[in-house]
Amino acid sequence: MNDIKLFRLDSGRAVEQGDASDLEKPLQTLIEANLDTLLGIHFLVSCPVNSWA
């Protein structure tokens, strides 16, 4: 995901800070851990059932 850029505001202007790849995994983990609070989404853990085996 090299195309995701990180910016900061400096005197009302957006200045490129670098790429956000260092933040991608921690941000994903934080969002996934708080999906209910942020979006009202609940994921259920399930295992696929193989009926032909």
N, C-alpha and C. Protein backbone atom coordinates (compact mmCIF):
# COMPACT_ATOMS: atom_id res chain seq x y z
N MET A 1 0.83 -1.18 0.00
CA MET A 1 0.00 0.00 0.00
C MET A 1 0.87 1.25 0.00
N ASN A 2 1.75 1.33 -0.92
CA ASN A 2 2.63 2.49 -1.00
C ASN A 2 1.92 3.75 -1.46
N ASP A 3 0.70 3.63 -1.95
CA ASP A 3 -0.01 4.80 -2.44
C ASP A 3 -0.76 5.55 -1.35
N ILE A 4 -0.80 5.04 -0.14
CA ILE A 4 -1.46 5.73 0.97
C ILE A 4 -0.45 6.67 1.60
N LYS A 5 -0.77 7.94 1.61
CA LYS A 5 0.13 8.95 2.15
C LYS A 5 -0.40 9.49 3.47
N LEU A 6 0.49 9.92 4.32
CA LEU A 6 0.16 10.48 5.62
C LEU A 6 0.46 11.98 5.57
N PHE A 7 -0.50 12.80 6.01
CA PHE A 7 -0.35 14.25 5.99
C PHE A 7 -0.53 14.82 7.38
N ARG A 8 0.03 15.99 7.59
CA ARG A 8 -0.19 16.75 8.83
C ARG A 8 -0.53 18.18 8.42
N LEU A 9 -1.23 18.88 9.29
CA LEU A 9 -1.54 20.27 9.02
C LEU A 9 -0.47 21.15 9.62
N ASP A 10 0.04 22.09 8.82
CA ASP A 10 1.06 23.02 9.26
C ASP A 10 0.63 24.41 8.79
N SER A 11 0.24 25.25 9.74
CA SER A 11 -0.23 26.61 9.43
C SER A 11 -1.37 26.60 8.42
N GLY A 12 -2.30 25.65 8.60
CA GLY A 12 -3.47 25.57 7.74
C GLY A 12 -3.25 24.91 6.40
N ARG A 13 -2.06 24.39 6.16
CA ARG A 13 -1.76 23.71 4.90
C ARG A 13 -1.42 22.25 5.17
N ALA A 14 -1.84 21.38 4.27
CA ALA A 14 -1.51 19.96 4.38
C ALA A 14 -0.10 19.73 3.88
N VAL A 15 0.72 19.11 4.70
CA VAL A 15 2.11 18.81 4.35
C VAL A 15 2.28 17.30 4.42
N GLU A 16 2.84 16.72 3.36
CA GLU A 16 3.03 15.28 3.34
C GLU A 16 4.04 14.86 4.41
N GLN A 17 3.63 13.91 5.23
CA GLN A 17 4.44 13.45 6.35
C GLN A 17 5.23 12.20 5.97
N GLY A 18 4.78 11.47 4.99
CA GLY A 18 5.42 10.22 4.60
C GLY A 18 4.35 9.23 4.22
N ASP A 19 4.72 7.97 4.15
CA ASP A 19 3.69 6.99 3.82
C ASP A 19 3.15 6.34 5.08
N ALA A 20 1.93 5.89 4.98
CA ALA A 20 1.20 5.41 6.15
C ALA A 20 1.39 3.92 6.40
N SER A 21 2.30 3.27 5.67
CA SER A 21 2.44 1.82 5.81
C SER A 21 2.84 1.39 7.22
N ASP A 22 3.59 2.23 7.94
CA ASP A 22 3.97 1.89 9.31
C ASP A 22 2.76 1.89 10.24
N LEU A 23 1.73 2.62 9.88
CA LEU A 23 0.53 2.72 10.70
C LEU A 23 -0.57 1.76 10.28
N GLU A 24 -0.41 1.13 9.12
CA GLU A 24 -1.49 0.33 8.56
C GLU A 24 -1.95 -0.79 9.50
N LYS A 25 -1.03 -1.63 9.96
CA LYS A 25 -1.40 -2.77 10.81
C LYS A 25 -1.95 -2.32 12.16
N PRO A 26 -1.31 -1.37 12.87
CA PRO A 26 -1.88 -0.93 14.14
C PRO A 26 -3.26 -0.28 13.96
N LEU A 27 -3.44 0.48 12.88
CA LEU A 27 -4.73 1.11 12.62
C LEU A 27 -5.79 0.06 12.31
N GLN A 28 -5.44 -0.94 11.50
CA GLN A 28 -6.38 -2.02 11.19
C GLN A 28 -6.79 -2.75 12.47
N THR A 29 -5.83 -3.06 13.32
CA THR A 29 -6.11 -3.75 14.57
C THR A 29 -7.03 -2.93 15.47
N LEU A 30 -6.75 -1.63 15.57
CA LEU A 30 -7.57 -0.73 16.38
C LEU A 30 -9.01 -0.66 15.86
N ILE A 31 -9.16 -0.52 14.56
CA ILE A 31 -10.50 -0.44 13.97
C ILE A 31 -11.25 -1.76 14.14
N GLU A 32 -10.58 -2.88 13.87
CA GLU A 32 -11.23 -4.19 14.02
C GLU A 32 -11.66 -4.44 15.46
N ALA A 33 -10.87 -3.99 16.42
CA ALA A 33 -11.21 -4.19 17.83
C ALA A 33 -12.38 -3.32 18.27
N ASN A 34 -12.69 -2.28 17.50
CA ASN A 34 -13.73 -1.34 17.89
C ASN A 34 -14.83 -1.19 16.85
N LEU A 35 -15.04 -2.22 16.03
CA LEU A 35 -16.06 -2.14 14.98
C LEU A 35 -17.45 -1.89 15.55
N ASP A 36 -17.76 -2.51 16.67
CA ASP A 36 -19.08 -2.32 17.26
C ASP A 36 -19.29 -0.86 17.65
N THR A 37 -18.32 -0.27 18.31
CA THR A 37 -18.42 1.12 18.74
C THR A 37 -18.42 2.07 17.55
N LEU A 38 -17.53 1.84 16.59
CA LEU A 38 -17.39 2.75 15.45
C LEU A 38 -18.52 2.63 14.44
N LEU A 39 -18.91 1.39 14.11
CA LEU A 39 -19.85 1.18 13.01
C LEU A 39 -21.07 0.35 13.38
N GLY A 40 -21.12 -0.15 14.59
CA GLY A 40 -22.25 -1.00 14.98
C GLY A 40 -22.22 -2.36 14.29
N ILE A 41 -21.02 -2.87 13.99
CA ILE A 41 -20.87 -4.14 13.27
C ILE A 41 -20.37 -5.22 14.22
N HIS A 42 -21.00 -6.39 14.15
CA HIS A 42 -20.55 -7.56 14.92
C HIS A 42 -20.19 -8.66 13.94
N PHE A 43 -19.00 -9.27 14.09
CA PHE A 43 -18.62 -10.40 13.28
C PHE A 43 -18.78 -11.67 14.11
N LEU A 44 -19.27 -12.71 13.48
CA LEU A 44 -19.42 -14.00 14.13
C LEU A 44 -18.32 -14.92 13.64
N VAL A 45 -17.72 -15.65 14.54
CA VAL A 45 -16.69 -16.61 14.18
C VAL A 45 -17.40 -17.92 13.87
N SER A 46 -17.10 -18.47 12.72
CA SER A 46 -17.70 -19.75 12.37
C SER A 46 -16.72 -20.57 11.56
N CYS A 47 -16.96 -21.85 11.55
CA CYS A 47 -16.14 -22.76 10.76
C CYS A 47 -17.00 -23.32 9.65
N PRO A 48 -16.44 -23.44 8.45
CA PRO A 48 -17.23 -24.02 7.37
C PRO A 48 -17.55 -25.49 7.67
N VAL A 49 -18.75 -25.88 7.32
CA VAL A 49 -19.18 -27.26 7.54
C VAL A 49 -19.04 -28.01 6.23
N ASN A 50 -18.29 -29.10 6.27
CA ASN A 50 -18.08 -29.93 5.09
C ASN A 50 -19.02 -31.10 5.17
N SER A 51 -20.15 -31.03 4.45
CA SER A 51 -21.18 -32.08 4.57
C SER A 51 -20.88 -33.30 3.71
N TRP A 52 -19.94 -33.22 2.79
CA TRP A 52 -19.67 -34.36 1.93
C TRP A 52 -18.50 -35.22 2.40
N ALA A 53 -17.88 -34.86 3.49
CA ALA A 53 -16.74 -35.64 3.97
C ALA A 53 -17.15 -36.67 4.98
